[in-house]
């Protein structure tokens, strides 16, 4: 009986493309490939021993992904988890590995690198894509400078603004943030405007990008 490689993504095209790639390079001779479009359906798919789970984090909260990794490994301790993410935020990458993943692919991962990483995981090894390695190296080289910069910028925010900013970076809308923090949507918008003024930004997307780049939010 073949072991399974489970691939999760919101987009059917990604699932079909990944299946074609694995078939082209002979992976399907040893593994059944299962594509999953609904994240909530993953739990029942990952119970088989020696399964490999590939998660594309596009459209998912990184907090939810980390919580799910923990839950999946409780259900199946030998599950090998691969994360494919557009984020190169070092603390997020580190947290994924702390939770127990075996491989991290960044947004610049090539077909060759993807196959190499999958092969390493099958052999029980750890793999990090080159772009993620570069991010880790840059982080190590600049950690003192970045931490000081983050500290100075963070001091400009109130405690409530930080709470709102974290949820903005998780992709929540004002109404959802208001419900989580038990405040009004108007108050959320007020905090959002204040933060944009403090950092001289003119859109929520730029605020999110600024927060992630300057490590004001860590997942």
C-alpha atoms as a PDB file:
ATOM      1  CA  UNK A   1       0.000   0.000   0.000  1.00  0.00           C
ATOM      2  CA  UNK A   2       1.327   3.431  -0.965  1.00  0.00           C
ATOM      3  CA  UNK A   3       1.933   6.166   1.588  1.00  0.00           C
ATOM      4  CA  UNK A   4       0.199   9.515   1.092  1.00  0.00           C
ATOM      5  CA  UNK A   5       1.296  13.019   0.219  1.00  0.00           C
ATOM      6  CA  UNK A   6      -1.501  15.409   1.155  1.00  0.00           C
ATOM      7  CA  UNK A   7      -1.407  18.819  -0.517  1.00  0.00           C
ATOM      8  CA  UNK A   8      -3.500  21.689   0.849  1.00  0.00           C
ATOM      9  CA  UNK A   9      -4.238  24.898  -1.023  1.00  0.00           C
ATOM     10  CA  UNK A  10      -7.213  27.193  -1.560  1.00  0.00           C
ATOM     11  CA  UNK A  11      -6.740  26.984  -5.328  1.00  0.00           C
ATOM     12  CA  UNK A  12      -7.546  23.872  -7.327  1.00  0.00           C
ATOM     13  CA  UNK A  13      -4.986  24.900  -9.967  1.00  0.00           C
ATOM     14  CA  UNK A  14      -2.161  24.701  -7.387  1.00  0.00           C
ATOM     15  CA  UNK A  15      -3.298  21.221  -6.348  1.00  0.00           C
ATOM     16  CA  UNK A  16      -3.523  19.997  -9.927  1.00  0.00           C
ATOM     17  CA  UNK A  17      -0.167  21.551 -10.858  1.00  0.00           C
ATOM     18  CA  UNK A  18       1.532  19.959  -7.852  1.00  0.00           C
ATOM     19  CA  UNK A  19       0.013  16.578  -8.717  1.00  0.00           C
ATOM     20  CA  UNK A  20       1.252  16.865 -12.319  1.00  0.00           C
ATOM     21  CA  UNK A  21       4.726  17.819 -11.104  1.00  0.00           C
ATOM     22  CA  UNK A  22       4.933  14.876  -8.708  1.00  0.00           C
ATOM     23  CA  UNK A  23       3.624  12.531 -11.384  1.00  0.00           C
ATOM     24  CA  UNK A  24       6.140  13.812 -13.945  1.00  0.00           C
ATOM     25  CA  UNK A  25       9.059  13.077 -11.627  1.00  0.00           C
ATOM     26  CA  UNK A  26       7.850   9.644 -10.554  1.00  0.00           C
ATOM     27  CA  UNK A  27       6.745  10.476  -7.011  1.00  0.00           C
ATOM     28  CA  UNK A  28       3.283   9.010  -7.685  1.00  0.00           C
ATOM     29  CA  UNK A  29       4.854   5.569  -8.149  1.00  0.00           C
ATOM     30  CA  UNK A  30       5.465   5.433  -4.403  1.00  0.00           C
ATOM     31  CA  UNK A  31       2.906   7.894  -3.043  1.00  0.00           C
ATOM     32  CA  UNK A  32      -0.778   8.565  -3.509  1.00  0.00           C
ATOM     33  CA  UNK A  33      -1.357  12.309  -3.895  1.00  0.00           C
ATOM     34  CA  UNK A  34      -4.412  13.726  -2.125  1.00  0.00           C
ATOM     35  CA  UNK A  35      -5.442  17.319  -2.839  1.00  0.00           C
ATOM     36  CA  UNK A  36      -7.455  19.133  -0.158  1.00  0.00           C
ATOM     37  CA  UNK A  37      -9.205  22.468  -0.731  1.00  0.00           C
ATOM     38  CA  UNK A  38     -10.846  22.807   2.698  1.00  0.00           C
ATOM     39  CA  UNK A  39      -8.415  23.322   5.596  1.00  0.00           C
ATOM     40  CA  UNK A  40     -10.960  21.923   8.063  1.00  0.00           C
ATOM     41  CA  UNK A  41     -10.884  18.570   6.242  1.00  0.00           C
ATOM     42  CA  UNK A  42      -7.163  18.008   6.793  1.00  0.00           C
ATOM     43  CA  UNK A  43      -7.487  16.293  10.178  1.00  0.00           C
ATOM     44  CA  UNK A  44      -9.095  13.172   8.727  1.00  0.00           C
ATOM     45  CA  UNK A  45      -6.542  12.997   5.900  1.00  0.00           C
ATOM     46  CA  UNK A  46      -3.333  13.047   7.966  1.00  0.00           C
ATOM     47  CA  UNK A  47      -3.866  10.022  10.205  1.00  0.00           C
ATOM     48  CA  UNK A  48      -2.008   7.456   8.076  1.00  0.00           C
ATOM     49  CA  UNK A  49       1.488   6.624   9.266  1.00  0.00           C
ATOM     50  CA  UNK A  50       4.385   8.075   7.228  1.00  0.00           C
ATOM     51  CA  UNK A  51       2.162  10.608   5.468  1.00  0.00           C
ATOM     52  CA  UNK A  52       3.580  13.896   4.205  1.00  0.00           C
ATOM     53  CA  UNK A  53       1.513  17.079   4.411  1.00  0.00           C
ATOM     54  CA  UNK A  54       2.269  20.098   2.203  1.00  0.00           C
ATOM     55  CA  UNK A  55       0.491  23.296   3.293  1.00  0.00           C
ATOM     56  CA  UNK A  56       0.420  26.405   1.122  1.00  0.00           C
ATOM     57  CA  UNK A  57      -0.284  29.147   3.675  1.00  0.00           C
ATOM     58  CA  UNK A  58      -1.782  31.588   1.146  1.00  0.00           C
ATOM     59  CA  UNK A  59      -5.006  32.968   2.622  1.00  0.00           C
ATOM     60  CA  UNK A  60      -4.405  31.442   6.055  1.00  0.00           C
ATOM     61  CA  UNK A  61      -3.618  33.148   9.342  1.00  0.00           C
ATOM     62  CA  UNK A  62      -0.107  32.132  10.413  1.00  0.00           C
ATOM     63  CA  UNK A  63      -1.406  31.819  13.964  1.00  0.00           C
ATOM     64  CA  UNK A  64      -4.030  29.316  12.793  1.00  0.00           C
ATOM     65  CA  UNK A  65      -1.396  27.405  10.810  1.00  0.00           C
ATOM     66  CA  UNK A  66       0.864  27.098  13.862  1.00  0.00           C
ATOM     67  CA  UNK A  67      -2.015  25.913  16.030  1.00  0.00           C
ATOM     68  CA  UNK A  68      -2.976  23.367  13.373  1.00  0.00           C
ATOM     69  CA  UNK A  69       0.590  22.049  13.074  1.00  0.00           C
ATOM     70  CA  UNK A  70       0.555  21.357  16.800  1.00  0.00           C
ATOM     71  CA  UNK A  71      -2.829  19.631  16.557  1.00  0.00           C
ATOM     72  CA  UNK A  72      -1.855  17.535  13.512  1.00  0.00           C
ATOM     73  CA  UNK A  73       1.310  16.273  15.213  1.00  0.00           C
ATOM     74  CA  UNK A  74      -0.679  15.326  18.300  1.00  0.00           C
ATOM     75  CA  UNK A  75      -2.947  13.229  16.065  1.00  0.00           C
ATOM     76  CA  UNK A  76      -0.046  11.779  14.063  1.00  0.00           C
ATOM     77  CA  UNK A  77       3.394  12.276  15.684  1.00  0.00           C
ATOM     78  CA  UNK A  78       5.246  10.854  12.653  1.00  0.00           C
ATOM     79  CA  UNK A  79       3.530  13.157  10.155  1.00  0.00           C
ATOM     80  CA  UNK A  80       6.056  15.097   8.065  1.00  0.00           C
ATOM     81  CA  UNK A  81       4.858  18.661   7.473  1.00  0.00           C
ATOM     82  CA  UNK A  82       6.094  20.948   4.698  1.00  0.00           C
ATOM     83  CA  UNK A  83       5.185  24.644   4.659  1.00  0.00           C
ATOM     84  CA  UNK A  84       5.070  26.653   1.429  1.00  0.00           C
ATOM     85  CA  UNK A  85       4.731  30.357   2.172  1.00  0.00           C
ATOM     86  CA  UNK A  86       5.266  33.729   0.534  1.00  0.00           C
ATOM     87  CA  UNK A  87       6.483  35.117   3.851  1.00  0.00           C
ATOM     88  CA  UNK A  88      10.212  35.456   4.515  1.00  0.00           C
ATOM     89  CA  UNK A  89       9.657  36.732   8.062  1.00  0.00           C
ATOM     90  CA  UNK A  90      12.349  34.969  10.056  1.00  0.00           C
ATOM     91  CA  UNK A  91      10.473  34.650  13.329  1.00  0.00           C
ATOM     92  CA  UNK A  92       7.554  33.040  11.506  1.00  0.00           C
ATOM     93  CA  UNK A  93       9.897  30.530   9.856  1.00  0.00           C
ATOM     94  CA  UNK A  94      11.532  29.756  13.204  1.00  0.00           C
ATOM     95  CA  UNK A  95       8.164  29.291  14.883  1.00  0.00           C
ATOM     96  CA  UNK A  96       7.106  26.818  12.185  1.00  0.00           C
ATOM     97  CA  UNK A  97      10.196  24.703  12.880  1.00  0.00           C
ATOM     98  CA  UNK A  98       9.695  25.045  16.636  1.00  0.00           C
ATOM     99  CA  UNK A  99       6.218  23.578  16.136  1.00  0.00           C
ATOM    100  CA  UNK A 100       7.711  20.584  14.328  1.00  0.00           C
ATOM    101  CA  UNK A 101       7.693  21.084  10.548  1.00  0.00           C
ATOM    102  CA  UNK A 102      10.356  19.332   8.472  1.00  0.00           C
ATOM    103  CA  UNK A 103      10.651  21.682   5.499  1.00  0.00           C
ATOM    104  CA  UNK A 104      10.053  25.316   4.567  1.00  0.00           C
ATOM    105  CA  UNK A 105       9.674  26.563   0.993  1.00  0.00           C
ATOM    106  CA  UNK A 106       9.687  30.312   0.349  1.00  0.00           C
ATOM    107  CA  UNK A 107       8.071  32.140  -2.548  1.00  0.00           C
ATOM    108  CA  UNK A 108      11.181  31.863  -4.771  1.00  0.00           C
ATOM    109  CA  UNK A 109      11.374  28.067  -4.523  1.00  0.00           C
ATOM    110  CA  UNK A 110      12.083  26.471  -7.910  1.00  0.00           C
ATOM    111  CA  UNK A 111      10.880  23.099  -9.177  1.00  0.00           C
ATOM    112  CA  UNK A 112      14.356  21.661  -8.640  1.00  0.00           C
ATOM    113  CA  UNK A 113      14.479  22.948  -5.079  1.00  0.00           C
ATOM    114  CA  UNK A 114      10.947  21.715  -4.361  1.00  0.00           C
ATOM    115  CA  UNK A 115      11.845  18.193  -5.471  1.00  0.00           C
ATOM    116  CA  UNK A 116      15.109  18.292  -3.528  1.00  0.00           C
ATOM    117  CA  UNK A 117      13.298  19.401  -0.385  1.00  0.00           C
ATOM    118  CA  UNK A 118      10.632  16.734  -0.756  1.00  0.00           C
ATOM    119  CA  UNK A 119      13.335  14.093  -1.232  1.00  0.00           C
ATOM    120  CA  UNK A 120      15.091  15.272   1.942  1.00  0.00           C
ATOM    121  CA  UNK A 121      11.846  15.089   3.902  1.00  0.00           C
ATOM    122  CA  UNK A 122      11.136  11.574   2.615  1.00  0.00           C
ATOM    123  CA  UNK A 123      14.582  10.583   3.919  1.00  0.00           C
ATOM    124  CA  UNK A 124      13.740  12.057   7.321  1.00  0.00           C
ATOM    125  CA  UNK A 125      15.890  15.177   6.985  1.00  0.00           C
ATOM    126  CA  UNK A 126      15.223  18.892   7.443  1.00  0.00           C
ATOM    127  CA  UNK A 127      15.177  21.269   4.461  1.00  0.00           C
ATOM    128  CA  UNK A 128      15.048  25.064   4.122  1.00  0.00           C
ATOM    129  CA  UNK A 129      14.791  26.769   0.723  1.00  0.00           C
ATOM    130  CA  UNK A 130      17.559  29.139  -0.362  1.00  0.00           C
ATOM    131  CA  UNK A 131      15.451  32.301  -0.057  1.00  0.00           C
ATOM    132  CA  UNK A 132      14.489  31.381   3.505  1.00  0.00           C
ATOM    133  CA  UNK A 133      18.151  30.649   4.301  1.00  0.00           C
ATOM    134  CA  UNK A 134      19.076  34.105   2.989  1.00  0.00           C
ATOM    135  CA  UNK A 135      16.427  35.684   5.182  1.00  0.00           C
ATOM    136  CA  UNK A 136      17.760  33.777   8.193  1.00  0.00           C
ATOM    137  CA  UNK A 137      21.333  34.844   7.428  1.00  0.00           C
ATOM    138  CA  UNK A 138      20.340  38.489   6.999  1.00  0.00           C
ATOM    139  CA  UNK A 139      18.460  38.303  10.261  1.00  0.00           C
ATOM    140  CA  UNK A 140      21.478  36.940  12.118  1.00  0.00           C
ATOM    141  CA  UNK A 141      23.720  39.651  10.652  1.00  0.00           C
ATOM    142  CA  UNK A 142      21.329  42.475  11.478  1.00  0.00           C
ATOM    143  CA  UNK A 143      19.609  41.209  14.601  1.00  0.00           C
ATOM    144  CA  UNK A 144      20.956  43.852  16.976  1.00  0.00           C
ATOM    145  CA  UNK A 145      20.152  46.731  14.633  1.00  0.00           C
ATOM    146  CA  UNK A 146      16.685  45.388  13.832  1.00  0.00           C
ATOM    147  CA  UNK A 147      15.801  44.736  17.462  1.00  0.00           C
ATOM    148  CA  UNK A 148      16.744  48.299  18.382  1.00  0.00           C
ATOM    149  CA  UNK A 149      14.717  49.689  15.479  1.00  0.00           C
ATOM    150  CA  UNK A 150      11.743  47.517  16.373  1.00  0.00           C
ATOM    151  CA  UNK A 151      11.939  48.611  19.992  1.00  0.00           C
ATOM    152  CA  UNK A 152      11.970  52.299  19.040  1.00  0.00           C
ATOM    153  CA  UNK A 153       9.053  51.965  16.617  1.00  0.00           C
ATOM    154  CA  UNK A 154       7.043  49.811  19.003  1.00  0.00           C
ATOM    155  CA  UNK A 155       7.344  52.480  21.686  1.00  0.00           C
ATOM    156  CA  UNK A 156       5.272  54.774  19.464  1.00  0.00           C
ATOM    157  CA  UNK A 157       2.268  52.441  19.728  1.00  0.00           C
ATOM    158  CA  UNK A 158      -0.171  52.155  22.604  1.00  0.00           C
ATOM    159  CA  UNK A 159      -1.026  48.714  23.979  1.00  0.00           C
ATOM    160  CA  UNK A 160      -4.433  48.781  22.271  1.00  0.00           C
ATOM    161  CA  UNK A 161      -2.915  49.888  18.955  1.00  0.00           C
ATOM    162  CA  UNK A 162      -0.579  46.888  19.144  1.00  0.00           C
ATOM    163  CA  UNK A 163      -3.569  44.586  19.728  1.00  0.00           C
ATOM    164  CA  UNK A 164      -5.343  46.031  16.694  1.00  0.00           C
ATOM    165  CA  UNK A 165      -2.194  45.881  14.553  1.00  0.00           C
ATOM    166  CA  UNK A 166      -1.661  42.173  15.259  1.00  0.00           C
ATOM    167  CA  UNK A 167      -5.179  41.370  14.090  1.00  0.00           C
ATOM    168  CA  UNK A 168      -4.850  43.620  11.029  1.00  0.00           C
ATOM    169  CA  UNK A 169      -1.747  41.643  10.048  1.00  0.00           C
ATOM    170  CA  UNK A 170      -3.702  38.414  10.473  1.00  0.00           C
ATOM    171  CA  UNK A 171      -6.056  39.678   7.779  1.00  0.00           C
ATOM    172  CA  UNK A 172      -9.070  40.450   9.967  1.00  0.00           C
ATOM    173  CA  UNK A 173     -11.505  43.207   9.035  1.00  0.00           C
ATOM    174  CA  UNK A 174     -12.521  46.014  11.364  1.00  0.00           C
ATOM    175  CA  UNK A 175     -15.761  44.313  12.412  1.00  0.00           C
ATOM    176  CA  UNK A 176     -13.931  41.062  13.205  1.00  0.00           C
ATOM    177  CA  UNK A 177     -11.236  42.923  15.151  1.00  0.00           C
ATOM    178  CA  UNK A 178     -13.907  44.791  17.089  1.00  0.00           C
ATOM    179  CA  UNK A 179     -15.601  41.522  18.073  1.00  0.00           C
ATOM    180  CA  UNK A 180     -12.331  39.955  19.226  1.00  0.00           C
ATOM    181  CA  UNK A 181     -11.277  42.976  21.292  1.00  0.00           C
ATOM    182  CA  UNK A 182     -14.779  43.881  22.524  1.00  0.00           C
ATOM    183  CA  UNK A 183     -14.598  47.393  21.125  1.00  0.00           C
ATOM    184  CA  UNK A 184     -16.540  49.176  18.395  1.00  0.00           C
ATOM    185  CA  UNK A 185     -15.596  49.056  14.714  1.00  0.00           C
ATOM    186  CA  UNK A 186     -15.359  52.860  14.876  1.00  0.00           C
ATOM    187  CA  UNK A 187     -12.695  52.567  17.595  1.00  0.00           C
ATOM    188  CA  UNK A 188     -10.787  50.044  15.477  1.00  0.00           C
ATOM    189  CA  UNK A 189     -10.810  52.475  12.547  1.00  0.00           C
ATOM    190  CA  UNK A 190      -9.630  55.257  14.850  1.00  0.00           C
ATOM    191  CA  UNK A 191      -6.656  53.150  15.998  1.00  0.00           C
ATOM    192  CA  UNK A 192      -5.911  52.239  12.381  1.00  0.00           C
ATOM    193  CA  UNK A 193      -5.863  55.909  11.324  1.00  0.00           C
ATOM    194  CA  UNK A 194      -3.675  56.892  14.274  1.00  0.00           C
ATOM    195  CA  UNK A 195      -1.089  54.236  13.412  1.00  0.00           C
ATOM    196  CA  UNK A 196      -1.060  55.271   9.758  1.00  0.00           C
ATOM    197  CA  UNK A 197      -0.463  58.881  10.826  1.00  0.00           C
ATOM    198  CA  UNK A 198       2.351  57.896  13.207  1.00  0.00           C
ATOM    199  CA  UNK A 199       4.204  56.024  10.477  1.00  0.00           C
ATOM    200  CA  UNK A 200       3.241  58.387   7.624  1.00  0.00           C
ATOM    201  CA  UNK A 201       1.329  55.725   5.678  1.00  0.00           C
ATOM    202  CA  UNK A 202      -1.775  56.128   3.553  1.00  0.00           C
ATOM    203  CA  UNK A 203      -3.340  52.656   3.395  1.00  0.00           C
ATOM    204  CA  UNK A 204      -4.001  49.599   5.540  1.00  0.00           C
ATOM    205  CA  UNK A 205      -1.994  47.392   3.191  1.00  0.00           C
ATOM    206  CA  UNK A 206       1.043  49.651   3.636  1.00  0.00           C
ATOM    207  CA  UNK A 207       0.523  49.594   7.399  1.00  0.00           C
ATOM    208  CA  UNK A 208       0.520  45.788   7.365  1.00  0.00           C
ATOM    209  CA  UNK A 209       3.631  45.666   5.168  1.00  0.00           C
ATOM    210  CA  UNK A 210       5.394  48.216   7.383  1.00  0.00           C
ATOM    211  CA  UNK A 211       4.514  46.291  10.553  1.00  0.00           C
ATOM    212  CA  UNK A 212       5.810  42.985   9.183  1.00  0.00           C
ATOM    213  CA  UNK A 213       8.973  44.460   7.677  1.00  0.00           C
ATOM    214  CA  UNK A 214       9.828  46.268  10.913  1.00  0.00           C
ATOM    215  CA  UNK A 215       8.973  43.304  13.143  1.00  0.00           C
ATOM    216  CA  UNK A 216       6.230  45.189  14.973  1.00  0.00           C
ATOM    217  CA  UNK A 217       4.166  42.013  14.721  1.00  0.00           C
ATOM    218  CA  UNK A 218       5.609  38.544  15.281  1.00  0.00           C
ATOM    219  CA  UNK A 219       3.624  35.380  14.563  1.00  0.00           C
END
